[in-house]
PDB file of N, CA and C in Angstrom:
ATOM      1  N   MET A   1     106.405 145.945 177.424  1.00  0.00           N
ATOM      2  CA  MET A   1     107.564 146.463 178.113  1.00  0.00           C
ATOM      3  C   MET A   1     107.741 147.951 177.820  1.00  0.00           C
ATOM      4  N   ALA A   2     107.542 148.315 176.569  1.00  0.00           N
ATOM      5  CA  ALA A   2     107.696 149.716 176.180  1.00  0.00           C
ATOM      6  C   ALA A   2     106.614 150.573 176.827  1.00  0.00           C
ATOM      7  N   LEU A   3     105.432 149.988 177.023  1.00  0.00           N
ATOM      8  CA  LEU A   3     104.335 150.724 177.646  1.00  0.00           C
ATOM      9  C   LEU A   3     104.665 151.044 179.102  1.00  0.00           C
ATOM     10  N   ARG A   4     105.271 150.085 179.800  1.00  0.00           N
ATOM     11  CA  ARG A   4     105.676 150.329 181.190  1.00  0.00           C
ATOM     12  C   ARG A   4     106.721 151.436 181.268  1.00  0.00           C
ATOM     13  N   ALA A   5     107.668 151.404 180.365  1.00  0.00           N
ATOM     14  CA  ALA A   5     108.705 152.435 180.345  1.00  0.00           C
ATOM     15  C   ALA A   5     108.096 153.799 180.055  1.00  0.00           C
ATOM     16  N   LEU A   6     107.086 153.839 179.178  1.00  0.00           N
ATOM     17  CA  LEU A   6     106.414 155.087 178.861  1.00  0.00           C
ATOM     18  C   LEU A   6     105.683 155.637 180.085  1.00  0.00           C
ATOM     19  N   TRP A   7     104.971 154.766 180.806  1.00  0.00           N
ATOM     20  CA  TRP A   7     104.266 155.190 182.024  1.00  0.00           C
ATOM     21  C   TRP A   7     105.249 155.671 183.086  1.00  0.00           C
ATOM     22  N   PHE A   8     106.360 154.976 183.206  1.00  0.00           N
ATOM     23  CA  PHE A   8     107.384 155.362 184.169  1.00  0.00           C
ATOM     24  C   PHE A   8     107.958 156.737 183.823  1.00  0.00           C
ATOM     25  N   ALA A   9     108.247 156.954 182.560  1.00  0.00           N
ATOM     26  CA  ALA A   9     108.777 158.245 182.128  1.00  0.00           C
ATOM     27  C   ALA A   9     107.753 159.353 182.352  1.00  0.00           C
ATOM     28  N   LEU A  10     106.485 159.049 182.090  1.00  0.00           N
ATOM     29  CA  LEU A  10     105.425 160.028 182.313  1.00  0.00           C
ATOM     30  C   LEU A  10     105.312 160.380 183.791  1.00  0.00           C
ATOM     31  N   ALA A  11     105.418 159.375 184.647  1.00  0.00           N
ATOM     32  CA  ALA A  11     105.344 159.614 186.094  1.00  0.00           C
ATOM     33  C   ALA A  11     106.508 160.487 186.558  1.00  0.00           C
ATOM     34  N   ILE A  12     107.693 160.263 186.009  1.00  0.00           N
ATOM     35  CA  ILE A  12     108.853 161.076 186.371  1.00  0.00           C
ATOM     36  C   ILE A  12     108.654 162.511 185.912  1.00  0.00           C
ATOM     37  N   LEU A  13     108.130 162.693 184.706  1.00  0.00           N
ATOM     38  CA  LEU A  13     107.894 164.050 184.201  1.00  0.00           C
ATOM     39  C   LEU A  13     106.854 164.796 185.039  1.00  0.00           C
ATOM     40  N   VAL A  14     105.784 164.111 185.397  1.00  0.00           N
ATOM     41  CA  VAL A  14     104.747 164.745 186.218  1.00  0.00           C
ATOM     42  C   VAL A  14     105.317 165.090 187.590  1.00  0.00           C
ATOM     43  N   GLY A  15     106.106 164.186 188.174  1.00  0.00           N
ATOM     44  CA  GLY A  15     106.719 164.461 189.467  1.00  0.00           C
ATOM     45  C   GLY A  15     107.666 165.644 189.414  1.00  0.00           C
ATOM     46  N   ALA A  16     108.453 165.716 188.363  1.00  0.00           N
ATOM     47  CA  ALA A  16     109.385 166.834 188.211  1.00  0.00           C
ATOM     48  C   ALA A  16     108.632 168.143 188.026  1.00  0.00           C
ATOM     49  N   ALA A  17     107.543 168.106 187.253  1.00  0.00           N
ATOM     50  CA  ALA A  17     106.753 169.317 187.034  1.00  0.00           C
ATOM     51  C   ALA A  17     106.121 169.787 188.337  1.00  0.00           C
ATOM     52  N   LEU A  18     105.600 168.860 189.122  1.00  0.00           N
ATOM     53  CA  LEU A  18     104.990 169.237 190.395  1.00  0.00           C
ATOM     54  C   LEU A  18     106.036 169.777 191.366  1.00  0.00           C
ATOM     55  N   ALA A  19     107.234 169.228 191.317  1.00  0.00           N
ATOM     56  CA  ALA A  19     108.297 169.720 192.186  1.00  0.00           C
ATOM     57  C   ALA A  19     108.684 171.142 191.809  1.00  0.00           C
ATOM     58  N   GLN A  20     108.645 171.463 190.535  1.00  0.00           N
ATOM     59  CA  GLN A  20     108.982 172.809 190.078  1.00  0.00           C
ATOM     60  C   GLN A  20     107.901 173.816 190.454  1.00  0.00           C
ATOM     61  N   ILE A  21     106.640 173.364 190.424  1.00  0.00           N
ATOM     62  CA  ILE A  21     105.536 174.255 190.775  1.00  0.00           C
ATOM     63  C   ILE A  21     105.614 174.626 192.250  1.00  0.00           C
ATOM     64  N   GLY A  22     105.988 173.673 193.057  1.00  0.00           N
ATOM     65  CA  GLY A  22     106.078 173.932 194.492  1.00  0.00           C
ATOM     66  C   GLY A  22     104.711 173.952 195.138  1.00  0.00           C
ATOM     67  N   LEU A  23     104.133 172.785 195.330  1.00  0.00           N
ATOM     68  CA  LEU A  23     102.828 172.688 195.958  1.00  0.00           C
ATOM     69  C   LEU A  23     102.898 173.195 197.396  1.00  0.00           C
ATOM     70  N   PRO A  24     101.819 173.804 197.877  1.00  0.00           N
ATOM     71  CA  PRO A  24     101.836 174.314 199.253  1.00  0.00           C
ATOM     72  C   PRO A  24     101.950 173.165 200.255  1.00  0.00           C
ATOM     73  N   ARG A  25     102.672 173.417 201.311  1.00  0.00           N
ATOM     74  CA  ARG A  25     102.872 172.408 202.352  1.00  0.00           C
ATOM     75  C   ARG A  25     101.717 172.453 203.334  1.00  0.00           C
ATOM     76  N   TRP A  26     101.460 171.309 203.958  1.00  0.00           N
ATOM     77  CA  TRP A  26     100.434 171.225 204.977  1.00  0.00           C
ATOM     78  C   TRP A  26     100.937 171.983 206.202  1.00  0.00           C
ATOM     79  N   PRO A  27     100.154 172.923 206.737  1.00  0.00           N
ATOM     80  CA  PRO A  27     100.647 173.699 207.879  1.00  0.00           C
ATOM     81  C   PRO A  27     100.738 172.834 209.143  1.00  0.00           C
ATOM     82  N   LYS A  28     101.801 173.035 209.889  1.00  0.00           N
ATOM     83  CA  LYS A  28     101.964 172.304 211.146  1.00  0.00           C
ATOM     84  C   LYS A  28     101.151 172.998 212.227  1.00  0.00           C
ATOM     85  N   ALA A  29     100.637 172.188 213.146  1.00  0.00           N
ATOM     86  CA  ALA A  29      99.900 172.757 214.277  1.00  0.00           C
ATOM     87  C   ALA A  29     100.882 173.481 215.183  1.00  0.00           C
ATOM     88  N   GLN A  30     100.570 174.683 215.521  1.00  0.00           N
ATOM     89  CA  GLN A  30     101.426 175.492 216.383  1.00  0.00           C
ATOM     90  C   GLN A  30     100.697 175.766 217.694  1.00  0.00           C
ATOM     91  N   PRO A  31     101.433 175.832 218.786  1.00  0.00           N
ATOM     92  CA  PRO A  31     100.790 176.188 220.056  1.00  0.00           C
ATOM     93  C   PRO A  31     100.198 177.589 219.982  1.00  0.00           C
ATOM     94  N   ARG A  32      99.112 177.759 220.694  1.00  0.00           N
ATOM     95  CA  ARG A  32      98.517 179.093 220.757  1.00  0.00           C
ATOM     96  C   ARG A  32      99.419 180.007 221.569  1.00  0.00           C
ATOM     97  N   ASP A  33      99.263 181.300 221.401  1.00  0.00           N
ATOM     98  CA  ASP A  33     100.073 182.262 222.144  1.00  0.00           C
ATOM     99  C   ASP A  33      99.890 182.065 223.639  1.00  0.00           C
ATOM    100  N   GLY A  34     100.979 181.962 224.355  1.00  0.00           N
ATOM    101  CA  GLY A  34     100.932 181.808 225.806  1.00  0.00           C
ATOM    102  C   GLY A  34     100.626 180.401 226.265  1.00  0.00           C
ATOM    103  N   ALA A  35     100.442 179.464 225.345  1.00  0.00           N
ATOM    104  CA  ALA A  35     100.073 178.104 225.726  1.00  0.00           C
ATOM    105  C   ALA A  35     101.266 177.161 225.702  1.00  0.00           C
ATOM    106  N   THR A  36     102.469 177.708 225.651  1.00  0.00           N
ATOM    107  CA  THR A  36     103.634 176.833 225.589  1.00  0.00           C
ATOM    108  C   THR A  36     103.971 176.231 226.943  1.00  0.00           C
ATOM    109  N   THR A  37     103.462 176.802 228.002  1.00  0.00           N
ATOM    110  CA  THR A  37     103.658 176.199 229.317  1.00  0.00           C
ATOM    111  C   THR A  37     102.401 175.438 229.684  1.00  0.00           C
ATOM    112  N   THR A  38     102.572 174.367 230.431  1.00  0.00           N
ATOM    113  CA  THR A  38     101.429 173.546 230.776  1.00  0.00           C
ATOM    114  C   THR A  38     100.693 174.111 231.977  1.00  0.00           C
ATOM    115  N   THR A  39      99.443 173.725 232.095  1.00  0.00           N
ATOM    116  CA  THR A  39      98.642 174.159 233.236  1.00  0.00           C
ATOM    117  C   THR A  39      98.964 173.281 234.437  1.00  0.00           C
ATOM    118  N   ALA A  40      98.497 173.680 235.584  1.00  0.00           N
ATOM    119  CA  ALA A  40      98.726 172.894 236.803  1.00  0.00           C
ATOM    120  C   ALA A  40      98.042 171.540 236.706  1.00  0.00           C
ATOM    121  N   THR A  41      96.875 171.512 236.069  1.00  0.00           N
ATOM    122  CA  THR A  41      96.153 170.250 235.899  1.00  0.00           C
ATOM    123  C   THR A  41      96.968 169.281 235.050  1.00  0.00           C
ATOM    124  N   CYS A  42      97.533 169.778 233.974  1.00  0.00           N
ATOM    125  CA  CYS A  42      98.361 168.930 233.113  1.00  0.00           C
ATOM    126  C   CYS A  42      99.608 168.465 233.852  1.00  0.00           C
ATOM    127  N   ALA A  43     100.203 169.353 234.636  1.00  0.00           N
ATOM    128  CA  ALA A  43     101.411 168.984 235.367  1.00  0.00           C
ATOM    129  C   ALA A  43     101.124 167.883 236.385  1.00  0.00           C
ATOM    130  N   LEU A  44      99.998 167.963 237.075  1.00  0.00           N
ATOM    131  CA  LEU A  44      99.636 166.919 238.042  1.00  0.00           C
ATOM    132  C   LEU A  44      99.351 165.593 237.343  1.00  0.00           C
ATOM    133  N   ALA A  45      98.608 165.648 236.242  1.00  0.00           N
ATOM    134  CA  ALA A  45      98.290 164.425 235.502  1.00  0.00           C
ATOM    135  C   ALA A  45      99.557 163.803 234.920  1.00  0.00           C
ATOM    136  N   ASP A  46     100.497 164.638 234.467  1.00  0.00           N
ATOM    137  CA  ASP A  46     101.746 164.136 233.925  1.00  0.00           C
ATOM    138  C   ASP A  46     102.570 163.449 235.007  1.00  0.00           C
ATOM    139  N   GLY A  47     102.609 164.052 236.182  1.00  0.00           N
ATOM    140  CA  GLY A  47     103.333 163.434 237.299  1.00  0.00           C
ATOM    141  C   GLY A  47     102.723 162.099 237.698  1.00  0.00           C
ATOM    142  N   ASP A  48     101.394 162.032 237.718  1.00  0.00           N
ATOM    143  CA  ASP A  48     100.729 160.767 238.052  1.00  0.00           C
ATOM    144  C   ASP A  48     101.028 159.688 237.018  1.00  0.00           C
ATOM    145  N   ALA A  49     100.981 160.055 235.748  1.00  0.00           N
ATOM    146  CA  ALA A  49     101.256 159.077 234.691  1.00  0.00           C
ATOM    147  C   ALA A  49     102.705 158.609 234.748  1.00  0.00           C
ATOM    148  N   THR A  50     103.612 159.522 235.036  1.00  0.00           N
ATOM    149  CA  THR A  50     105.019 159.150 235.131  1.00  0.00           C
ATOM    150  C   THR A  50     105.242 158.196 236.295  1.00  0.00           C
ATOM    151  N   ARG A  51     104.578 158.467 237.412  1.00  0.00           N
ATOM    152  CA  ARG A  51     104.703 157.558 238.569  1.00  0.00           C
ATOM    153  C   ARG A  51     104.106 156.180 238.272  1.00  0.00           C
ATOM    154  N   LEU A  52     103.075 156.139 237.431  1.00  0.00           N
ATOM    155  CA  LEU A  52     102.500 154.839 237.046  1.00  0.00           C
ATOM    156  C   LEU A  52     103.480 154.020 236.209  1.00  0.00           C
ATOM    157  N   LEU A  53     104.238 154.693 235.358  1.00  0.00           N
ATOM    158  CA  LEU A  53     105.148 153.991 234.450  1.00  0.00           C
ATOM    159  C   LEU A  53     106.462 153.595 235.116  1.00  0.00           C
ATOM    160  N   GLN A  54     106.801 154.238 236.223  1.00  0.00           N
ATOM    161  CA  GLN A  54     108.085 153.985 236.864  1.00  0.00           C
ATOM    162  C   GLN A  54     108.290 152.525 237.272  1.00  0.00           C
ATOM    163  N   PRO A  55     107.321 151.867 237.921  1.00  0.00           N
ATOM    164  CA  PRO A  55     107.541 150.458 238.290  1.00  0.00           C
ATOM    165  C   PRO A  55     107.737 149.540 237.087  1.00  0.00           C
ATOM    166  N   LEU A  56     107.049 149.848 235.979  1.00  0.00           N
ATOM    167  CA  LEU A  56     107.228 149.034 234.780  1.00  0.00           C
ATOM    168  C   LEU A  56     108.637 149.184 234.225  1.00  0.00           C
ATOM    169  N   MET A  57     109.168 150.398 234.291  1.00  0.00           N
ATOM    170  CA  MET A  57     110.523 150.618 233.789  1.00  0.00           C
ATOM    171  C   MET A  57     111.565 149.932 234.676  1.00  0.00           C
ATOM    172  N   VAL A  58     111.318 149.916 235.970  1.00  0.00           N
ATOM    173  CA  VAL A  58     112.256 149.266 236.884  1.00  0.00           C
ATOM    174  C   VAL A  58     112.202 147.756 236.699  1.00  0.00           C
ATOM    175  N   ARG A  59     110.999 147.230 236.560  1.00  0.00           N
ATOM    176  CA  ARG A  59     110.840 145.779 236.408  1.00  0.00           C
ATOM    177  C   ARG A  59     111.426 145.302 235.091  1.00  0.00           C
ATOM    178  N   ASN A  60     111.138 146.015 234.012  1.00  0.00           N
ATOM    179  CA  ASN A  60     111.723 145.760 232.691  1.00  0.00           C
ATOM    180  C   ASN A  60     111.608 144.302 232.250  1.00  0.00           C
ATOM    181  N   ALA A  61     110.414 143.736 232.390  1.00  0.00           N
ATOM    182  CA  ALA A  61     110.158 142.381 231.913  1.00  0.00           C
ATOM    183  C   ALA A  61     109.943 142.403 230.399  1.00  0.00           C
ATOM    184  N   PRO A  62     110.170 141.282 229.723  1.00  0.00           N
ATOM    185  CA  PRO A  62     109.993 141.254 228.260  1.00  0.00           C
ATOM    186  C   PRO A  62     108.577 141.652 227.814  1.00  0.00           C
ATOM    187  N   ASN A  63     107.584 141.287 228.599  1.00  0.00           N
ATOM    188  CA  ASN A  63     106.204 141.619 228.222  1.00  0.00           C
ATOM    189  C   ASN A  63     105.887 143.090 228.422  1.00  0.00           C
ATOM    190  N   ASP A  64     106.712 143.792 229.179  1.00  0.00           N
ATOM    191  CA  ASP A  64     106.451 145.201 229.462  1.00  0.00           C
ATOM    192  C   ASP A  64     106.843 146.124 228.314  1.00  0.00           C
ATOM    193  N   ALA A  65     107.617 145.641 227.384  1.00  0.00           N
ATOM    194  CA  ALA A  65     108.121 146.513 226.314  1.00  0.00           C
ATOM    195  C   ALA A  65     106.985 147.118 225.499  1.00  0.00           C
ATOM    196  N   VAL A  66     106.015 146.315 225.113  1.00  0.00           N
ATOM    197  CA  VAL A  66     104.900 146.818 224.299  1.00  0.00           C
ATOM    198  C   VAL A  66     104.040 147.778 225.112  1.00  0.00           C
ATOM    199  N   VAL A  67     103.811 147.425 226.373  1.00  0.00           N
ATOM    200  CA  VAL A  67     103.005 148.282 227.238  1.00  0.00           C
ATOM    201  C   VAL A  67     103.685 149.633 227.420  1.00  0.00           C
ATOM    202  N   LEU A  68     104.980 149.591 227.687  1.00  0.00           N
ATOM    203  CA  LEU A  68     105.734 150.841 227.862  1.00  0.00           C
ATOM    204  C   LEU A  68     105.770 151.671 226.583  1.00  0.00           C
ATOM    205  N   GLU A  69     105.958 151.004 225.464  1.00  0.00           N
ATOM    206  CA  GLU A  69     106.047 151.730 224.198  1.00  0.00           C
ATOM    207  C   GLU A  69     104.768 152.505 223.915  1.00  0.00           C
ATOM    208  N   ARG A  70     103.630 151.852 224.080  1.00  0.00           N
ATOM    209  CA  ARG A  70     102.356 152.529 223.812  1.00  0.00           C
ATOM    210  C   ARG A  70     102.068 153.598 224.850  1.00  0.00           C
ATOM    211  N   ALA A  71     102.413 153.322 226.107  1.00  0.00           N
ATOM    212  CA  ALA A  71     102.155 154.298 227.164  1.00  0.00           C
ATOM    213  C   ALA A  71     103.038 155.534 227.005  1.00  0.00           C
ATOM    214  N   VAL A  72     104.306 155.351 226.661  1.00  0.00           N
ATOM    215  CA  VAL A  72     105.198 156.493 226.474  1.00  0.00           C
ATOM    216  C   VAL A  72     104.767 157.309 225.258  1.00  0.00           C
ATOM    217  N   HIS A  73     104.301 156.633 224.210  1.00  0.00           N
ATOM    218  CA  HIS A  73     103.791 157.360 223.042  1.00  0.00           C
ATOM    219  C   HIS A  73     102.583 158.214 223.443  1.00  0.00           C
ATOM    220  N   ALA A  74     101.663 157.617 224.194  1.00  0.00           N
ATOM    221  CA  ALA A  74     100.482 158.367 224.640  1.00  0.00           C
ATOM    222  C   ALA A  74     100.887 159.511 225.568  1.00  0.00           C
ATOM    223  N   LEU A  75     101.923 159.291 226.384  1.00  0.00           N
ATOM    224  CA  LEU A  75     102.417 160.346 227.277  1.00  0.00           C
ATOM    225  C   LEU A  75     102.972 161.519 226.469  1.00  0.00           C
ATOM    226  N   ASN A  76     103.711 161.223 225.417  1.00  0.00           N
ATOM    227  CA  ASN A  76     104.241 162.288 224.561  1.00  0.00           C
ATOM    228  C   ASN A  76     103.125 163.066 223.872  1.00  0.00           C
ATOM    229  N   ILE A  77     102.109 162.358 223.404  1.00  0.00           N
ATOM    230  CA  ILE A  77     100.971 163.020 222.758  1.00  0.00           C
ATOM    231  C   ILE A  77     100.227 163.888 223.764  1.00  0.00           C
ATOM    232  N   ALA A  78     100.039 163.376 224.972  1.00  0.00           N
ATOM    233  CA  ALA A  78      99.351 164.156 226.004  1.00  0.00           C
ATOM    234  C   ALA A  78     100.137 165.418 226.337  1.00  0.00           C
ATOM    235  N   ARG A  79     101.447 165.300 226.406  1.00  0.00           N
ATOM    236  CA  ARG A  79     102.271 166.485 226.679  1.00  0.00           C
ATOM    237  C   ARG A  79     102.144 167.516 225.557  1.00  0.00           C
ATOM    238  N   LYS A  80     102.091 167.057 224.318  1.00  0.00           N
ATOM    239  CA  LYS A  80     101.898 167.994 223.202  1.00  0.00           C
ATOM    240  C   LYS A  80     100.539 168.667 223.291  1.00  0.00           C
ATOM    241  N   HIS A  81      99.511 167.897 223.622  1.00  0.00           N
ATOM    242  CA  HIS A  81      98.177 168.479 223.754  1.00  0.00           C
ATOM    243  C   HIS A  81      98.157 169.530 224.857  1.00  0.00           C
ATOM    244  N   CYS A  82      98.876 169.273 225.955  1.00  0.00           N
ATOM    245  CA  CYS A  82      98.961 170.280 227.023  1.00  0.00           C
ATOM    246  C   CYS A  82      99.671 171.530 226.514  1.00  0.00           C
ATOM    247  N   ALA A  83     100.730 171.343 225.763  1.00  0.00           N
ATOM    248  CA  ALA A  83     101.476 172.490 225.242  1.00  0.00           C
ATOM    249  C   ALA A  83     100.632 173.314 224.281  1.00  0.00           C
ATOM    250  N   TYR A  84      99.738 172.660 223.543  1.00  0.00           N
ATOM    251  CA  TYR A  84      98.867 173.369 222.606  1.00  0.00           C
ATOM    252  C   TYR A  84      97.667 174.003 223.307  1.00  0.00           C
ATOM    253  N   GLY A  85      97.505 173.708 224.601  1.00  0.00           N
ATOM    254  CA  GLY A  85      96.379 174.261 225.337  1.00  0.00           C
ATOM    255  C   GLY A  85      95.125 173.421 225.267  1.00  0.00           C
ATOM    256  N   TRP A  86      95.244 172.201 224.769  1.00  0.00           N
ATOM    257  CA  TRP A  86      94.091 171.304 224.652  1.00  0.00           C
ATOM    258  C   TRP A  86      94.030 170.417 225.889  1.00  0.00           C
ATOM    259  N   THR A  87      93.710 171.012 227.019  1.00  0.00           N
ATOM    260  CA  THR A  87      93.776 170.324 228.304  1.00  0.00           C
ATOM    261  C   THR A  87      92.799 169.155 228.371  1.00  0.00           C
ATOM    262  N   ASP A  88      91.583 169.329 227.871  1.00  0.00           N
ATOM    263  CA  ASP A  88      90.595 168.246 227.935  1.00  0.00           C
ATOM    264  C   ASP A  88      91.068 167.012 227.177  1.00  0.00           C
ATOM    265  N   THR A  89      91.619 167.224 226.001  1.00  0.00           N
ATOM    266  CA  THR A  89      92.129 166.106 225.208  1.00  0.00           C
ATOM    267  C   THR A  89      93.315 165.463 225.911  1.00  0.00           C
ATOM    268  N   ALA A  90      94.177 166.271 226.488  1.00  0.00           N
ATOM    269  CA  ALA A  90      95.346 165.747 227.204  1.00  0.00           C
ATOM    270  C   ALA A  90      94.920 164.914 228.409  1.00  0.00           C
ATOM    271  N   LEU A  91      93.928 165.388 229.142  1.00  0.00           N
ATOM    272  CA  LEU A  91      93.458 164.626 230.306  1.00  0.00           C
ATOM    273  C   LEU A  91      92.850 163.295 229.882  1.00  0.00           C
ATOM    274  N   GLY A  92      92.218 163.275 228.722  1.00  0.00           N
ATOM    275  CA  GLY A  92      91.718 162.009 228.183  1.00  0.00           C
ATOM    276  C   GLY A  92      92.858 161.057 227.864  1.00  0.00           C
ATOM    277  N   ASN A  93      93.956 161.585 227.343  1.00  0.00           N
ATOM    278  CA  ASN A  93      95.126 160.747 227.070  1.00  0.00           C
ATOM    279  C   ASN A  93      95.736 160.212 228.356  1.00  0.00           C
ATOM    280  N   TYR A  94      95.829 161.067 229.375  1.00  0.00           N
ATOM    281  CA  TYR A  94      96.366 160.615 230.658  1.00  0.00           C
ATOM    282  C   TYR A  94      95.468 159.538 231.282  1.00  0.00           C
ATOM    283  N   ALA A  95      94.156 159.686 231.141  1.00  0.00           N
ATOM    284  CA  ALA A  95      93.232 158.660 231.645  1.00  0.00           C
ATOM    285  C   ALA A  95      93.427 157.348 230.882  1.00  0.00           C
ATOM    286  N   TRP A  96      93.674 157.441 229.577  1.00  0.00           N
ATOM    287  CA  TRP A  96      93.921 156.227 228.797  1.00  0.00           C
ATOM    288  C   TRP A  96      95.180 155.521 229.289  1.00  0.00           C
ATOM    289  N   ILE A  97      96.210 156.288 229.621  1.00  0.00           N
ATOM    290  CA  ILE A  97      97.454 155.687 230.123  1.00  0.00           C
ATOM    291  C   ILE A  97      97.175 154.921 231.417  1.00  0.00           C
ATOM    292  N   GLU A  98      96.394 155.525 232.308  1.00  0.00           N
ATOM    293  CA  GLU A  98      96.054 154.838 233.559  1.00  0.00           C
ATOM    294  C   GLU A  98      95.322 153.524 233.284  1.00  0.00           C
ATOM    295  N   ARG A  99      94.347 153.553 232.381  1.00  0.00           N
ATOM    296  CA  ARG A  99      93.601 152.322 232.055  1.00  0.00           C
ATOM    297  C   ARG A  99      94.522 151.297 231.404  1.00  0.00           C
ATOM    298  N   TRP A 100      95.377 151.738 230.513  1.00  0.00           N
ATOM    299  CA  TRP A 100      96.267 150.835 229.777  1.00  0.00           C
ATOM    300  C   TRP A 100      97.224 150.121 230.741  1.00  0.00           C
ATOM    301  N   VAL A 101      97.794 150.877 231.657  1.00  0.00           N
ATOM    302  CA  VAL A 101      98.724 150.266 232.614  1.00  0.00           C
ATOM    303  C   VAL A 101      97.980 149.335 233.551  1.00  0.00           C
ATOM    304  N   ALA A 102      96.791 149.719 233.989  1.00  0.00           N
ATOM    305  CA  ALA A 102      96.004 148.864 234.891  1.00  0.00           C
ATOM    306  C   ALA A 102      95.604 147.553 234.215  1.00  0.00           C
ATOM    307  N   GLU A 103      95.268 147.619 232.933  1.00  0.00           N
ATOM    308  CA  GLU A 103      94.883 146.401 232.202  1.00  0.00           C
ATOM    309  C   GLU A 103      96.058 145.478 231.930  1.00  0.00           C
ATOM    310  N   ASN A 104      97.264 146.020 231.861  1.00  0.00           N
ATOM    311  CA  ASN A 104      98.422 145.241 231.448  1.00  0.00           C
ATOM    312  C   ASN A 104      99.466 145.071 232.532  1.00  0.00           C
ATOM    313  N   ARG A 105      99.041 145.012 233.762  1.00  0.00           N
ATOM    314  CA  ARG A 105      99.992 144.792 234.866  1.00  0.00           C
ATOM    315  C   ARG A 105     100.349 143.351 234.977  1.00  0.00           C
TER     316      ARG A 105
END
């Protein structure tokens, strides 16, 4: 029992010491300069994906919740990729959304 308390106290001391040192934070990905607006290709693909999801949202069946959740998550990721200027990756995400909705209709 005393050994566990010793390990716990040691872990707290190490954590406090590391907090005082201030370890460097992982840098967040930032959009490239001028890439905060989406390209026309991304805008068209986004509109198509949104139109694909619209009937599922209107129908709102119990089985659609999982499909919608994953598709909306992929849509958000694709939009971020467009904002970062990674159009090829974003178009791959939009294509995945089309396949996902087609498989789960």
